[in-house]
Amino acid sequence: MTLPIDCDLLGFLWTTAKVVLGSKPQLRKNTRPIPLRYQREVVTDSSLSEAQKQYLVPLDARLEALNYRPMCTYRVANYGANLIREYSNFADPAACTLTIVEVQTNVKGVKGLKKQPRGQFHDALFRRKVAHHPQHGAQDGNGHA
């Protein structure tokens, strides 16, 4: 006696098994490891390219309308080429972090660059938690991270 097997179910199981078993090596091959400690590299306004300066003008203006001024700009040298800019408002305990994600493509010799900004506002409690995280270099009383 044979049991009837639905072809759709069989196809679903085959596809699921192929994706689950076949995609893990591909995902591992394409991932970039997250560093244990970030190597921050300060980027001065004078070292920004003209295109980067022009890109920041409208973003700075929008934040300046909220009384946020740029404090520093940096990159994480050992984790991508994203530009990170910190803003503060002396009348507000919250701060703003603007991350500009830069994606470069090369398709059949045609190069392209796409930038996408992402802003995040955070308060003093968040900054205290980050400052005491081992990844950011905080140390205990014995000098250990």
C-alpha atoms as a PDB file:
ATOM      1  CA  MET A   1       0.000   0.000   0.000  1.00  0.00           C
ATOM      2  CA  THR A   2       1.405   3.386  -0.983  1.00  0.00           C
ATOM      3  CA  LEU A   3       0.591   6.726   0.554  1.00  0.00           C
ATOM      4  CA  PRO A   4      -0.382   9.519  -1.787  1.00  0.00           C
ATOM      5  CA  ILE A   5       2.234  12.319  -1.702  1.00  0.00           C
ATOM      6  CA  ASP A   6       1.243  15.753  -2.789  1.00  0.00           C
ATOM      7  CA  CYS A   7       3.645  17.049  -5.457  1.00  0.00           C
ATOM      8  CA  ASP A   8       3.366  20.585  -4.065  1.00  0.00           C
ATOM      9  CA  LEU A   9       4.439  19.355  -0.641  1.00  0.00           C
ATOM     10  CA  LEU A  10       7.326  17.397  -2.131  1.00  0.00           C
ATOM     11  CA  GLY A  11       8.433  20.460  -4.112  1.00  0.00           C
ATOM     12  CA  PHE A  12       8.197  22.644  -1.011  1.00  0.00           C
ATOM     13  CA  LEU A  13      10.281  20.209   1.045  1.00  0.00           C
ATOM     14  CA  TRP A  14      12.904  19.919  -1.715  1.00  0.00           C
ATOM     15  CA  THR A  15      13.171  23.705  -2.097  1.00  0.00           C
ATOM     16  CA  THR A  16      13.344  24.249   1.668  1.00  0.00           C
ATOM     17  CA  ALA A  17      16.078  21.610   2.072  1.00  0.00           C
ATOM     18  CA  LYS A  18      18.072  23.107  -0.807  1.00  0.00           C
ATOM     19  CA  VAL A  19      17.864  26.634   0.630  1.00  0.00           C
ATOM     20  CA  VAL A  20      18.672  25.575   4.197  1.00  0.00           C
ATOM     21  CA  LEU A  21      21.540  23.276   3.288  1.00  0.00           C
ATOM     22  CA  GLY A  22      22.908  25.230   0.342  1.00  0.00           C
ATOM     23  CA  SER A  23      22.734  28.825   1.520  1.00  0.00           C
ATOM     24  CA  LYS A  24      24.757  28.568   4.739  1.00  0.00           C
ATOM     25  CA  PRO A  25      28.160  28.203   3.013  1.00  0.00           C
ATOM     26  CA  GLN A  26      27.280  31.078   0.663  1.00  0.00           C
ATOM     27  CA  LEU A  27      26.233  33.298   3.571  1.00  0.00           C
ATOM     28  CA  ARG A  28      29.448  32.564   5.448  1.00  0.00           C
ATOM     29  CA  LYS A  29      31.512  33.318   2.359  1.00  0.00           C
ATOM     30  CA  ASN A  30      29.885  36.752   1.903  1.00  0.00           C
ATOM     31  CA  THR A  31      29.988  37.943   5.502  1.00  0.00           C
ATOM     32  CA  ARG A  32      32.586  40.287   6.855  1.00  0.00           C
ATOM     33  CA  PRO A  33      33.571  39.512  10.446  1.00  0.00           C
ATOM     34  CA  ILE A  34      32.676  42.145  13.020  1.00  0.00           C
ATOM     35  CA  PRO A  35      35.862  43.305  14.770  1.00  0.00           C
ATOM     36  CA  LEU A  36      36.234  42.872  18.520  1.00  0.00           C
ATOM     37  CA  ARG A  37      37.375  46.501  18.868  1.00  0.00           C
ATOM     38  CA  TYR A  38      36.575  49.296  16.461  1.00  0.00           C
ATOM     39  CA  GLN A  39      39.465  51.379  15.155  1.00  0.00           C
ATOM     40  CA  ARG A  40      37.988  54.850  14.903  1.00  0.00           C
ATOM     41  CA  GLU A  41      39.650  57.195  12.445  1.00  0.00           C
ATOM     42  CA  VAL A  42      38.798  60.893  12.854  1.00  0.00           C
ATOM     43  CA  VAL A  43      37.931  62.589   9.581  1.00  0.00           C
ATOM     44  CA  THR A  44      38.511  66.337   9.603  1.00  0.00           C
ATOM     45  CA  ASP A  45      36.307  68.611   7.524  1.00  0.00           C
ATOM     46  CA  SER A  46      39.343  69.589   5.462  1.00  0.00           C
ATOM     47  CA  SER A  47      39.984  65.948   4.510  1.00  0.00           C
ATOM     48  CA  LEU A  48      36.430  65.372   3.226  1.00  0.00           C
ATOM     49  CA  SER A  49      36.071  65.293  -0.534  1.00  0.00           C
ATOM     50  CA  GLU A  50      34.088  68.076  -2.175  1.00  0.00           C
ATOM     51  CA  ALA A  51      31.295  65.598  -2.963  1.00  0.00           C
ATOM     52  CA  GLN A  52      31.145  64.512   0.699  1.00  0.00           C
ATOM     53  CA  LYS A  53      31.037  68.134   1.874  1.00  0.00           C
ATOM     54  CA  GLN A  54      28.194  68.907  -0.533  1.00  0.00           C
ATOM     55  CA  TYR A  55      26.333  65.771   0.576  1.00  0.00           C
ATOM     56  CA  LEU A  56      26.553  66.859   4.222  1.00  0.00           C
ATOM     57  CA  VAL A  57      25.319  70.445   3.626  1.00  0.00           C
ATOM     58  CA  PRO A  58      21.541  69.672   3.532  1.00  0.00           C
ATOM     59  CA  LEU A  59      21.852  67.108   6.346  1.00  0.00           C
ATOM     60  CA  ASP A  60      23.717  69.585   8.556  1.00  0.00           C
ATOM     61  CA  ALA A  61      21.114  72.256   7.734  1.00  0.00           C
ATOM     62  CA  ARG A  62      18.223  70.004   8.766  1.00  0.00           C
ATOM     63  CA  LEU A  63      19.876  69.196  12.078  1.00  0.00           C
ATOM     64  CA  GLU A  64      20.929  72.798  12.633  1.00  0.00           C
ATOM     65  CA  ALA A  65      17.249  73.750  12.372  1.00  0.00           C
ATOM     66  CA  LEU A  66      16.841  71.569  15.493  1.00  0.00           C
ATOM     67  CA  ASN A  67      19.880  73.283  17.116  1.00  0.00           C
ATOM     68  CA  TYR A  68      22.181  70.278  16.604  1.00  0.00           C
ATOM     69  CA  ARG A  69      25.742  71.097  15.555  1.00  0.00           C
ATOM     70  CA  PRO A  70      28.397  68.659  14.300  1.00  0.00           C
ATOM     71  CA  MET A  71      30.930  67.626  16.969  1.00  0.00           C
ATOM     72  CA  CYS A  72      33.091  65.119  15.121  1.00  0.00           C
ATOM     73  CA  THR A  73      33.215  62.971  12.011  1.00  0.00           C
ATOM     74  CA  TYR A  74      34.914  59.586  11.839  1.00  0.00           C
ATOM     75  CA  ARG A  75      35.089  56.210  10.134  1.00  0.00           C
ATOM     76  CA  VAL A  76      35.567  52.782  11.647  1.00  0.00           C
ATOM     77  CA  ALA A  77      38.715  51.858   9.720  1.00  0.00           C
ATOM     78  CA  ASN A  78      38.465  48.110  10.331  1.00  0.00           C
ATOM     79  CA  TYR A  79      34.768  47.803   9.464  1.00  0.00           C
ATOM     80  CA  GLY A  80      33.706  49.362   6.184  1.00  0.00           C
ATOM     81  CA  ALA A  81      33.881  52.851   4.726  1.00  0.00           C
ATOM     82  CA  ASN A  82      30.779  54.393   6.294  1.00  0.00           C
ATOM     83  CA  LEU A  83      31.059  57.989   7.409  1.00  0.00           C
ATOM     84  CA  ILE A  84      29.755  58.683  10.940  1.00  0.00           C
ATOM     85  CA  ARG A  85      29.025  62.191  12.200  1.00  0.00           C
ATOM     86  CA  GLU A  86      28.094  63.059  15.778  1.00  0.00           C
ATOM     87  CA  TYR A  87      25.895  66.072  16.590  1.00  0.00           C
ATOM     88  CA  SER A  88      25.060  67.729  19.894  1.00  0.00           C
ATOM     89  CA  ASN A  89      22.594  70.304  21.134  1.00  0.00           C
ATOM     90  CA  PHE A  90      23.756  72.196  24.232  1.00  0.00           C
ATOM     91  CA  ALA A  91      20.151  72.751  25.317  1.00  0.00           C
ATOM     92  CA  ASP A  92      19.177  69.065  25.014  1.00  0.00           C
ATOM     93  CA  PRO A  93      20.817  66.027  26.692  1.00  0.00           C
ATOM     94  CA  ALA A  94      20.081  63.917  23.598  1.00  0.00           C
ATOM     95  CA  ALA A  95      22.675  63.551  20.857  1.00  0.00           C
ATOM     96  CA  CYS A  96      22.377  62.575  17.221  1.00  0.00           C
ATOM     97  CA  THR A  97      24.495  60.119  15.284  1.00  0.00           C
ATOM     98  CA  LEU A  98      24.317  60.263  11.508  1.00  0.00           C
ATOM     99  CA  THR A  99      25.707  57.287   9.602  1.00  0.00           C
ATOM    100  CA  ILE A 100      26.189  57.614   5.873  1.00  0.00           C
ATOM    101  CA  VAL A 101      26.327  54.183   4.309  1.00  0.00           C
ATOM    102  CA  GLU A 102      28.373  54.199   1.109  1.00  0.00           C
ATOM    103  CA  VAL A 103      27.927  51.304  -1.306  1.00  0.00           C
ATOM    104  CA  GLN A 104      30.200  51.004  -4.315  1.00  0.00           C
ATOM    105  CA  THR A 105      29.250  48.773  -7.225  1.00  0.00           C
ATOM    106  CA  ASN A 106      31.075  47.555 -10.301  1.00  0.00           C
ATOM    107  CA  VAL A 107      28.854  45.807 -12.839  1.00  0.00           C
ATOM    108  CA  LYS A 108      30.581  44.850 -16.069  1.00  0.00           C
ATOM    109  CA  GLY A 109      33.058  47.699 -15.666  1.00  0.00           C
ATOM    110  CA  VAL A 110      30.419  50.325 -14.865  1.00  0.00           C
ATOM    111  CA  LYS A 111      31.166  51.766 -11.426  1.00  0.00           C
ATOM    112  CA  GLY A 112      28.550  53.354  -9.219  1.00  0.00           C
ATOM    113  CA  LEU A 113      28.317  54.890  -5.773  1.00  0.00           C
ATOM    114  CA  LYS A 114      25.169  55.079  -3.659  1.00  0.00           C
ATOM    115  CA  LYS A 115      24.925  56.899  -0.341  1.00  0.00           C
ATOM    116  CA  GLN A 116      22.166  56.470   2.215  1.00  0.00           C
ATOM    117  CA  PRO A 117      22.001  58.488   5.461  1.00  0.00           C
ATOM    118  CA  ARG A 118      20.623  57.043   8.707  1.00  0.00           C
ATOM    119  CA  GLY A 119      20.117  59.212  11.770  1.00  0.00           C
ATOM    120  CA  GLN A 120      19.655  58.127  15.365  1.00  0.00           C
ATOM    121  CA  PHE A 121      18.889  60.254  18.400  1.00  0.00           C
ATOM    122  CA  HIS A 122      19.932  58.899  21.790  1.00  0.00           C
ATOM    123  CA  ASP A 123      19.910  60.227  25.326  1.00  0.00           C
ATOM    124  CA  ALA A 124      22.450  60.314  28.154  1.00  0.00           C
ATOM    125  CA  LEU A 125      21.343  56.906  29.505  1.00  0.00           C
ATOM    126  CA  PHE A 126      22.173  55.285  26.154  1.00  0.00           C
ATOM    127  CA  ARG A 127      25.577  56.998  26.052  1.00  0.00           C
ATOM    128  CA  ARG A 128      26.400  55.754  29.585  1.00  0.00           C
ATOM    129  CA  LYS A 129      25.565  52.184  28.557  1.00  0.00           C
ATOM    130  CA  VAL A 130      27.718  52.450  25.427  1.00  0.00           C
ATOM    131  CA  ALA A 131      30.616  54.070  27.301  1.00  0.00           C
ATOM    132  CA  HIS A 132      30.770  51.137  29.736  1.00  0.00           C
ATOM    133  CA  HIS A 133      30.611  48.463  27.034  1.00  0.00           C
ATOM    134  CA  PRO A 134      33.935  46.562  26.629  1.00  0.00           C
ATOM    135  CA  GLN A 135      33.879  47.109  22.872  1.00  0.00           C
ATOM    136  CA  HIS A 136      34.248  50.852  23.460  1.00  0.00           C
ATOM    137  CA  GLY A 137      37.299  50.600  25.672  1.00  0.00           C
ATOM    138  CA  ALA A 138      35.791  51.064  29.146  1.00  0.00           C
ATOM    139  CA  GLN A 139      37.846  49.591  31.972  1.00  0.00           C
ATOM    140  CA  ASP A 140      37.034  48.368  35.443  1.00  0.00           C
ATOM    141  CA  GLY A 141      38.933  49.361  38.589  1.00  0.00           C
ATOM    142  CA  ASN A 142      41.706  46.873  37.755  1.00  0.00           C
ATOM    143  CA  GLY A 143      42.334  48.317  34.299  1.00  0.00           C
ATOM    144  CA  HIS A 144      40.581  45.461  32.486  1.00  0.00           C
ATOM    145  CA  ALA A 145      38.142  45.995  29.659  1.00  0.00           C
END
